[in-house]
Amino acid sequence: MLGTIINTATILVGGAFGAVARRGIGEKYKKVLFDALGLCCLVLGANTALPNMAKSEFPVLFILSLAIGGLIGTRLDLAGRLERASRQHKGAVQGLTTGCLLYCIGTFAIVGPVLSCLSPSHGWALRESANTYLYTNATLDLVTSAVLAATYGWVMLLAAPVLFVWQTMFYLIAWFFGDAMPEPMRCELSIVGGVLIVSSGLSILGIKDCKTINLLPSLLVPVVYYLF
């Protein structure tokens, strides 16, 4: 769990730095940050989803996941509930959703906790520690959280506990099932998550509001499918 704790801490540190620095950033520069974030989401999302599609054992699972998850999210009106709860801070909700997806989706954030559990090591040197994935992910998240917080503000710090819960879930799955956690599950999660990151990018750029929040239950479908 050491890697997860460090990863969570870097988001808090980076987010706090970005939120403080935000006060001195003019509106035209914030617009540049928005555009940059949107483009990065498109690239990162595509880079996460496309390589894994070739490895998928069930190529239509991500379609079923998005369809089922979207129906569940729409029925529960997740996007509407969040917007009504924070009507004055709609942009912040969008930023928080984007941040959580960027932090939680990907090989480092999913495989890292599993390796940390299966090959526990308390070494701090990257070449010796089973937490290498999470240390690397923490470095990336430190920069990402600073940029996001400079754009959206202090609300981005709420993404840290979300990451902690997410990585702890995979740590516990590995603890209960050992090395039985299927690689196809990680693959399908990456595909679905990549699509959601692209969806966030489209929303940030103002191209299309796909109500990504309503699609979040899609991430549960591959987990349920492979566990049961």
C-alpha atoms as a PDB file:
ATOM      1  CA  MET A   1       0.000   0.000   0.000  1.00  0.00           C
ATOM      2  CA  LEU A   2       3.034   2.280   0.230  1.00  0.00           C
ATOM      3  CA  GLY A   3       2.895   3.130  -3.467  1.00  0.00           C
ATOM      4  CA  THR A   4      -0.816   3.984  -3.266  1.00  0.00           C
ATOM      5  CA  ILE A   5      -0.241   6.270  -0.271  1.00  0.00           C
ATOM      6  CA  ILE A   6       2.571   8.080  -2.088  1.00  0.00           C
ATOM      7  CA  ASN A   7       0.472   8.338  -5.247  1.00  0.00           C
ATOM      8  CA  THR A   8      -2.399   9.866  -3.267  1.00  0.00           C
ATOM      9  CA  ALA A   9      -0.038  12.307  -1.536  1.00  0.00           C
ATOM     10  CA  THR A  10       1.402  13.552  -4.841  1.00  0.00           C
ATOM     11  CA  ILE A  11      -2.100  14.435  -6.073  1.00  0.00           C
ATOM     12  CA  LEU A  12      -2.707  16.433  -2.902  1.00  0.00           C
ATOM     13  CA  VAL A  13       0.643  18.231  -3.194  1.00  0.00           C
ATOM     14  CA  GLY A  14       0.339  18.901  -6.927  1.00  0.00           C
ATOM     15  CA  GLY A  15      -3.297  19.959  -6.560  1.00  0.00           C
ATOM     16  CA  ALA A  16      -2.513  22.373  -3.722  1.00  0.00           C
ATOM     17  CA  PHE A  17       0.334  23.924  -5.721  1.00  0.00           C
ATOM     18  CA  GLY A  18      -1.855  24.343  -8.804  1.00  0.00           C
ATOM     19  CA  ALA A  19      -4.757  25.804  -6.822  1.00  0.00           C
ATOM     20  CA  VAL A  20      -2.483  28.406  -5.201  1.00  0.00           C
ATOM     21  CA  ALA A  21      -0.832  29.267  -8.521  1.00  0.00           C
ATOM     22  CA  ARG A  22      -4.277  29.619 -10.143  1.00  0.00           C
ATOM     23  CA  ARG A  23      -4.817  33.007  -8.518  1.00  0.00           C
ATOM     24  CA  GLY A  24      -2.103  34.553 -10.654  1.00  0.00           C
ATOM     25  CA  ILE A  25      -3.268  33.068 -13.952  1.00  0.00           C
ATOM     26  CA  GLY A  26      -5.255  35.334 -16.273  1.00  0.00           C
ATOM     27  CA  GLU A  27      -8.410  34.204 -18.064  1.00  0.00           C
ATOM     28  CA  LYS A  28      -6.755  33.899 -21.478  1.00  0.00           C
ATOM     29  CA  TYR A  29      -4.116  31.630 -19.975  1.00  0.00           C
ATOM     30  CA  LYS A  30      -6.792  29.534 -18.276  1.00  0.00           C
ATOM     31  CA  LYS A  31      -8.415  29.147 -21.703  1.00  0.00           C
ATOM     32  CA  VAL A  32      -5.112  27.829 -23.044  1.00  0.00           C
ATOM     33  CA  LEU A  33      -4.961  25.327 -20.158  1.00  0.00           C
ATOM     34  CA  PHE A  34      -8.516  24.182 -20.928  1.00  0.00           C
ATOM     35  CA  ASP A  35      -7.665  23.603 -24.585  1.00  0.00           C
ATOM     36  CA  ALA A  36      -4.420  21.833 -23.688  1.00  0.00           C
ATOM     37  CA  LEU A  37      -6.221  19.558 -21.227  1.00  0.00           C
ATOM     38  CA  GLY A  38      -8.894  18.727 -23.767  1.00  0.00           C
ATOM     39  CA  LEU A  39      -6.343  17.777 -26.415  1.00  0.00           C
ATOM     40  CA  CYS A  40      -4.316  15.751 -23.906  1.00  0.00           C
ATOM     41  CA  CYS A  41      -7.445  13.840 -22.895  1.00  0.00           C
ATOM     42  CA  LEU A  42      -8.138  12.935 -26.523  1.00  0.00           C
ATOM     43  CA  VAL A  43      -4.581  11.677 -27.046  1.00  0.00           C
ATOM     44  CA  LEU A  44      -4.298   9.859 -23.694  1.00  0.00           C
ATOM     45  CA  GLY A  45      -7.727   8.290 -24.038  1.00  0.00           C
ATOM     46  CA  ALA A  46      -7.025   7.010 -27.534  1.00  0.00           C
ATOM     47  CA  ASN A  47      -3.591   5.767 -26.475  1.00  0.00           C
ATOM     48  CA  THR A  48      -5.183   3.868 -23.580  1.00  0.00           C
ATOM     49  CA  ALA A  49      -8.046   2.299 -25.520  1.00  0.00           C
ATOM     50  CA  LEU A  50      -6.678   1.463 -28.968  1.00  0.00           C
ATOM     51  CA  PRO A  51      -3.665  -0.758 -28.046  1.00  0.00           C
ATOM     52  CA  ASN A  52      -5.851  -2.812 -25.717  1.00  0.00           C
ATOM     53  CA  MET A  53      -8.579  -3.362 -28.305  1.00  0.00           C
ATOM     54  CA  ALA A  54      -6.206  -5.646 -30.211  1.00  0.00           C
ATOM     55  CA  LYS A  55      -5.759  -7.757 -27.055  1.00  0.00           C
ATOM     56  CA  SER A  56      -9.446  -8.019 -26.190  1.00  0.00           C
ATOM     57  CA  GLU A  57     -10.852 -11.553 -25.880  1.00  0.00           C
ATOM     58  CA  PHE A  58     -14.388 -10.207 -26.224  1.00  0.00           C
ATOM     59  CA  PRO A  59     -14.169  -7.234 -28.652  1.00  0.00           C
ATOM     60  CA  VAL A  60     -17.758  -6.126 -28.125  1.00  0.00           C
ATOM     61  CA  LEU A  61     -17.577  -6.103 -24.319  1.00  0.00           C
ATOM     62  CA  PHE A  62     -16.597  -2.442 -24.226  1.00  0.00           C
ATOM     63  CA  ILE A  63     -19.640  -1.607 -26.365  1.00  0.00           C
ATOM     64  CA  LEU A  64     -21.914  -3.554 -24.020  1.00  0.00           C
ATOM     65  CA  SER A  65     -20.194  -1.939 -21.031  1.00  0.00           C
ATOM     66  CA  LEU A  66     -20.755   1.594 -22.317  1.00  0.00           C
ATOM     67  CA  ALA A  67     -24.344   0.808 -23.305  1.00  0.00           C
ATOM     68  CA  ILE A  68     -25.253  -0.854 -20.005  1.00  0.00           C
ATOM     69  CA  GLY A  69     -23.297   1.623 -17.915  1.00  0.00           C
ATOM     70  CA  GLY A  70     -24.780   4.559 -19.803  1.00  0.00           C
ATOM     71  CA  LEU A  71     -28.311   3.271 -19.245  1.00  0.00           C
ATOM     72  CA  ILE A  72     -27.657   2.784 -15.532  1.00  0.00           C
ATOM     73  CA  GLY A  73     -26.036   6.209 -15.164  1.00  0.00           C
ATOM     74  CA  THR A  74     -28.857   7.902 -17.066  1.00  0.00           C
ATOM     75  CA  ARG A  75     -31.509   6.069 -15.037  1.00  0.00           C
ATOM     76  CA  LEU A  76     -29.805   7.204 -11.842  1.00  0.00           C
ATOM     77  CA  ASP A  77     -29.328  10.670 -13.395  1.00  0.00           C
ATOM     78  CA  LEU A  78     -25.778  10.879 -12.064  1.00  0.00           C
ATOM     79  CA  ALA A  79     -24.867  13.914 -14.167  1.00  0.00           C
ATOM     80  CA  GLY A  80     -28.067  15.741 -13.242  1.00  0.00           C
ATOM     81  CA  ARG A  81     -27.648  15.042  -9.541  1.00  0.00           C
ATOM     82  CA  LEU A  82     -24.080  16.375  -9.515  1.00  0.00           C
ATOM     83  CA  GLU A  83     -25.007  19.438 -11.546  1.00  0.00           C
ATOM     84  CA  ARG A  84     -27.907  20.259  -9.235  1.00  0.00           C
ATOM     85  CA  ALA A  85     -25.734  19.689  -6.170  1.00  0.00           C
ATOM     86  CA  SER A  86     -23.107  22.096  -7.489  1.00  0.00           C
ATOM     87  CA  ARG A  87     -25.034  24.362  -9.841  1.00  0.00           C
ATOM     88  CA  GLN A  88     -22.613  27.208  -9.228  1.00  0.00           C
ATOM     89  CA  HIS A  89     -19.582  25.035  -9.951  1.00  0.00           C
ATOM     90  CA  LYS A  90     -20.508  22.976 -12.993  1.00  0.00           C
ATOM     91  CA  GLY A  91     -17.019  23.359 -14.473  1.00  0.00           C
ATOM     92  CA  ALA A  92     -15.487  22.051 -11.269  1.00  0.00           C
ATOM     93  CA  VAL A  93     -17.567  18.875 -11.487  1.00  0.00           C
ATOM     94  CA  GLN A  94     -16.358  18.359 -15.045  1.00  0.00           C
ATOM     95  CA  GLY A  95     -12.782  18.887 -13.919  1.00  0.00           C
ATOM     96  CA  LEU A  96     -13.123  16.469 -11.022  1.00  0.00           C
ATOM     97  CA  THR A  97     -14.554  13.788 -13.307  1.00  0.00           C
ATOM     98  CA  THR A  98     -11.729  14.293 -15.795  1.00  0.00           C
ATOM     99  CA  GLY A  99      -9.114  14.169 -13.049  1.00  0.00           C
ATOM    100  CA  CYS A 100     -10.474  10.965 -11.550  1.00  0.00           C
ATOM    101  CA  LEU A 101     -10.467   9.280 -14.963  1.00  0.00           C
ATOM    102  CA  LEU A 102      -6.919  10.410 -15.768  1.00  0.00           C
ATOM    103  CA  TYR A 103      -5.618   9.272 -12.378  1.00  0.00           C
ATOM    104  CA  CYS A 104      -7.470   5.964 -12.170  1.00  0.00           C
ATOM    105  CA  ILE A 105      -7.469   4.574 -15.709  1.00  0.00           C
ATOM    106  CA  GLY A 106      -4.357   2.999 -17.125  1.00  0.00           C
ATOM    107  CA  THR A 107      -1.829   0.240 -16.592  1.00  0.00           C
ATOM    108  CA  PHE A 108       0.051   1.984 -13.790  1.00  0.00           C
ATOM    109  CA  ALA A 109      -3.028   2.712 -11.658  1.00  0.00           C
ATOM    110  CA  ILE A 110      -4.558  -0.771 -12.095  1.00  0.00           C
ATOM    111  CA  VAL A 111      -1.569  -3.120 -12.298  1.00  0.00           C
ATOM    112  CA  GLY A 112       0.468  -1.189  -9.711  1.00  0.00           C
ATOM    113  CA  PRO A 113      -1.688  -2.084  -6.679  1.00  0.00           C
ATOM    114  CA  VAL A 114      -1.880  -5.716  -7.829  1.00  0.00           C
ATOM    115  CA  LEU A 115       1.897  -6.079  -8.103  1.00  0.00           C
ATOM    116  CA  SER A 116       2.312  -4.240  -4.816  1.00  0.00           C
ATOM    117  CA  CYS A 117       0.150  -6.881  -3.138  1.00  0.00           C
ATOM    118  CA  LEU A 118       1.508  -9.972  -4.904  1.00  0.00           C
ATOM    119  CA  SER A 119       5.180  -8.996  -4.604  1.00  0.00           C
ATOM    120  CA  PRO A 120       5.340  -6.854  -1.471  1.00  0.00           C
ATOM    121  CA  SER A 121       8.533  -4.882  -0.993  1.00  0.00           C
ATOM    122  CA  HIS A 122       9.345  -1.955   1.209  1.00  0.00           C
ATOM    123  CA  GLY A 123      12.302  -0.808  -0.865  1.00  0.00           C
ATOM    124  CA  TRP A 124      12.315   2.812  -1.994  1.00  0.00           C
ATOM    125  CA  ALA A 125      14.619   2.291  -4.981  1.00  0.00           C
ATOM    126  CA  LEU A 126      12.539   2.071  -8.129  1.00  0.00           C
ATOM    127  CA  ARG A 127      14.515  -0.854  -9.560  1.00  0.00           C
ATOM    128  CA  GLU A 128      14.044  -2.896  -6.388  1.00  0.00           C
ATOM    129  CA  SER A 129      10.507  -2.132  -5.378  1.00  0.00           C
ATOM    130  CA  ALA A 130       7.259  -3.815  -6.451  1.00  0.00           C
ATOM    131  CA  ASN A 131       5.712  -0.328  -6.192  1.00  0.00           C
ATOM    132  CA  THR A 132       7.599   0.853  -9.300  1.00  0.00           C
ATOM    133  CA  TYR A 133       4.379   1.252 -11.296  1.00  0.00           C
ATOM    134  CA  LEU A 134       2.797   3.378  -8.586  1.00  0.00           C
ATOM    135  CA  TYR A 135       5.904   5.533  -8.067  1.00  0.00           C
ATOM    136  CA  THR A 136       5.960   6.228 -11.798  1.00  0.00           C
ATOM    137  CA  ASN A 137       2.234   6.936 -11.791  1.00  0.00           C
ATOM    138  CA  ALA A 138       2.722   9.273  -8.814  1.00  0.00           C
ATOM    139  CA  THR A 139       5.262  11.315 -10.760  1.00  0.00           C
ATOM    140  CA  LEU A 140       2.857  11.688 -13.684  1.00  0.00           C
ATOM    141  CA  ASP A 141      -0.060  12.546 -11.385  1.00  0.00           C
ATOM    142  CA  LEU A 142       1.999  15.204  -9.595  1.00  0.00           C
ATOM    143  CA  VAL A 143       2.241  17.195 -12.823  1.00  0.00           C
ATOM    144  CA  THR A 144      -1.297  16.410 -13.997  1.00  0.00           C
ATOM    145  CA  SER A 145      -2.876  17.404 -10.675  1.00  0.00           C
ATOM    146  CA  ALA A 146      -1.024  20.738 -10.696  1.00  0.00           C
ATOM    147  CA  VAL A 147      -2.324  21.573 -14.177  1.00  0.00           C
ATOM    148  CA  LEU A 148      -5.881  20.469 -13.372  1.00  0.00           C
ATOM    149  CA  ALA A 149      -5.968  22.440 -10.124  1.00  0.00           C
ATOM    150  CA  ALA A 150      -4.570  25.503 -11.896  1.00  0.00           C
ATOM    151  CA  THR A 151      -7.567  25.198 -14.202  1.00  0.00           C
ATOM    152  CA  TYR A 152     -10.375  24.111 -11.842  1.00  0.00           C
ATOM    153  CA  GLY A 153      -9.173  25.043  -8.351  1.00  0.00           C
ATOM    154  CA  TRP A 154      -9.168  23.373  -4.934  1.00  0.00           C
ATOM    155  CA  VAL A 155     -11.990  20.955  -5.805  1.00  0.00           C
ATOM    156  CA  MET A 156      -9.403  18.806  -7.614  1.00  0.00           C
ATOM    157  CA  LEU A 157      -8.020  17.661  -4.255  1.00  0.00           C
ATOM    158  CA  LEU A 158     -11.159  15.524  -3.903  1.00  0.00           C
ATOM    159  CA  ALA A 159      -9.750  13.269  -6.630  1.00  0.00           C
ATOM    160  CA  ALA A 160      -7.072  12.033  -4.198  1.00  0.00           C
ATOM    161  CA  PRO A 161      -9.428   9.939  -2.005  1.00  0.00           C
ATOM    162  CA  VAL A 162     -11.099   8.610  -5.166  1.00  0.00           C
ATOM    163  CA  LEU A 163      -7.729   7.341  -6.391  1.00  0.00           C
ATOM    164  CA  PHE A 164      -6.973   5.854  -2.983  1.00  0.00           C
ATOM    165  CA  VAL A 165     -10.258   3.902  -2.928  1.00  0.00           C
ATOM    166  CA  TRP A 166      -9.789   2.800  -6.564  1.00  0.00           C
ATOM    167  CA  GLN A 167      -6.278   1.437  -6.059  1.00  0.00           C
ATOM    168  CA  THR A 168      -7.201  -0.115  -2.707  1.00  0.00           C
ATOM    169  CA  MET A 169     -10.007  -2.011  -4.466  1.00  0.00           C
ATOM    170  CA  PHE A 170      -7.527  -3.657  -6.847  1.00  0.00           C
ATOM    171  CA  TYR A 171      -5.103  -4.294  -3.982  1.00  0.00           C
ATOM    172  CA  LEU A 172      -7.856  -6.153  -2.119  1.00  0.00           C
ATOM    173  CA  ILE A 173      -8.904  -8.065  -5.249  1.00  0.00           C
ATOM    174  CA  ALA A 174      -5.314  -9.276  -5.593  1.00  0.00           C
ATOM    175  CA  TRP A 175      -5.177 -10.087  -1.879  1.00  0.00           C
ATOM    176  CA  PHE A 176      -8.342 -12.201  -2.044  1.00  0.00           C
ATOM    177  CA  PHE A 177      -7.748 -13.890  -5.409  1.00  0.00           C
ATOM    178  CA  GLY A 178      -3.947 -13.903  -5.585  1.00  0.00           C
ATOM    179  CA  ASP A 179      -2.641 -13.991  -9.141  1.00  0.00           C
ATOM    180  CA  ALA A 180      -6.077 -15.086 -10.349  1.00  0.00           C
ATOM    181  CA  MET A 181      -6.991 -11.514 -11.274  1.00  0.00           C
ATOM    182  CA  PRO A 182      -7.496 -11.884 -15.029  1.00  0.00           C
ATOM    183  CA  GLU A 183      -5.389  -9.839 -17.427  1.00  0.00           C
ATOM    184  CA  PRO A 184      -8.443  -9.518 -19.738  1.00  0.00           C
ATOM    185  CA  MET A 185     -10.196  -7.540 -16.985  1.00  0.00           C
ATOM    186  CA  ARG A 186      -7.418  -4.956 -16.974  1.00  0.00           C
ATOM    187  CA  CYS A 187      -7.529  -4.882 -20.753  1.00  0.00           C
ATOM    188  CA  GLU A 188     -11.281  -4.245 -20.918  1.00  0.00           C
ATOM    189  CA  LEU A 189     -11.108  -1.639 -18.137  1.00  0.00           C
ATOM    190  CA  SER A 190      -8.455   0.202 -20.116  1.00  0.00           C
ATOM    191  CA  ILE A 191     -10.597   0.211 -23.250  1.00  0.00           C
ATOM    192  CA  VAL A 192     -13.695   1.503 -21.479  1.00  0.00           C
ATOM    193  CA  GLY A 193     -11.674   3.982 -19.439  1.00  0.00           C
ATOM    194  CA  GLY A 194      -9.897   5.251 -22.546  1.00  0.00           C
ATOM    195  CA  VAL A 195     -13.235   5.948 -24.216  1.00  0.00           C
ATOM    196  CA  LEU A 196     -14.408   7.848 -21.124  1.00  0.00           C
ATOM    197  CA  ILE A 197     -11.238   9.951 -21.130  1.00  0.00           C
ATOM    198  CA  VAL A 198     -11.857  10.818 -24.804  1.00  0.00           C
ATOM    199  CA  SER A 199     -15.430  11.727 -23.834  1.00  0.00           C
ATOM    200  CA  SER A 200     -14.086  14.125 -21.200  1.00  0.00           C
ATOM    201  CA  GLY A 201     -11.751  15.666 -23.755  1.00  0.00           C
ATOM    202  CA  LEU A 202     -14.620  16.327 -26.159  1.00  0.00           C
ATOM    203  CA  SER A 203     -16.563  17.994 -23.357  1.00  0.00           C
ATOM    204  CA  ILE A 204     -13.643  20.180 -22.236  1.00  0.00           C
ATOM    205  CA  LEU A 205     -13.077  21.350 -25.825  1.00  0.00           C
ATOM    206  CA  GLY A 206     -16.771  22.162 -26.156  1.00  0.00           C
ATOM    207  CA  ILE A 207     -17.191  19.773 -29.084  1.00  0.00           C
ATOM    208  CA  LYS A 208     -19.767  17.452 -27.527  1.00  0.00           C
ATOM    209  CA  ASP A 209     -21.051  17.045 -23.975  1.00  0.00           C
ATOM    210  CA  CYS A 210     -21.407  13.280 -23.697  1.00  0.00           C
ATOM    211  CA  LYS A 211     -22.315  13.494 -19.985  1.00  0.00           C
ATOM    212  CA  THR A 212     -19.330  11.353 -19.056  1.00  0.00           C
ATOM    213  CA  ILE A 213     -20.534  11.093 -15.469  1.00  0.00           C
ATOM    214  CA  ASN A 214     -23.541   9.064 -16.635  1.00  0.00           C
ATOM    215  CA  LEU A 215     -21.135   6.652 -18.343  1.00  0.00           C
ATOM    216  CA  LEU A 216     -19.028   5.968 -15.232  1.00  0.00           C
ATOM    217  CA  PRO A 217     -20.980   2.778 -14.276  1.00  0.00           C
ATOM    218  CA  SER A 218     -19.530   1.297 -17.482  1.00  0.00           C
ATOM    219  CA  LEU A 219     -16.307   0.650 -15.560  1.00  0.00           C
ATOM    220  CA  LEU A 220     -18.110  -1.845 -13.331  1.00  0.00           C
ATOM    221  CA  VAL A 221     -19.328  -4.057 -16.177  1.00  0.00           C
ATOM    222  CA  PRO A 222     -15.941  -5.655 -17.082  1.00  0.00           C
ATOM    223  CA  VAL A 223     -15.195  -6.235 -13.393  1.00  0.00           C
ATOM    224  CA  VAL A 224     -18.533  -7.980 -12.826  1.00  0.00           C
ATOM    225  CA  TYR A 225     -18.217  -9.946 -16.075  1.00  0.00           C
ATOM    226  CA  TYR A 226     -14.797 -11.422 -15.262  1.00  0.00           C
ATOM    227  CA  LEU A 227     -15.357 -11.945 -11.545  1.00  0.00           C
ATOM    228  CA  PHE A 228     -18.601 -13.844 -12.004  1.00  0.00           C
END
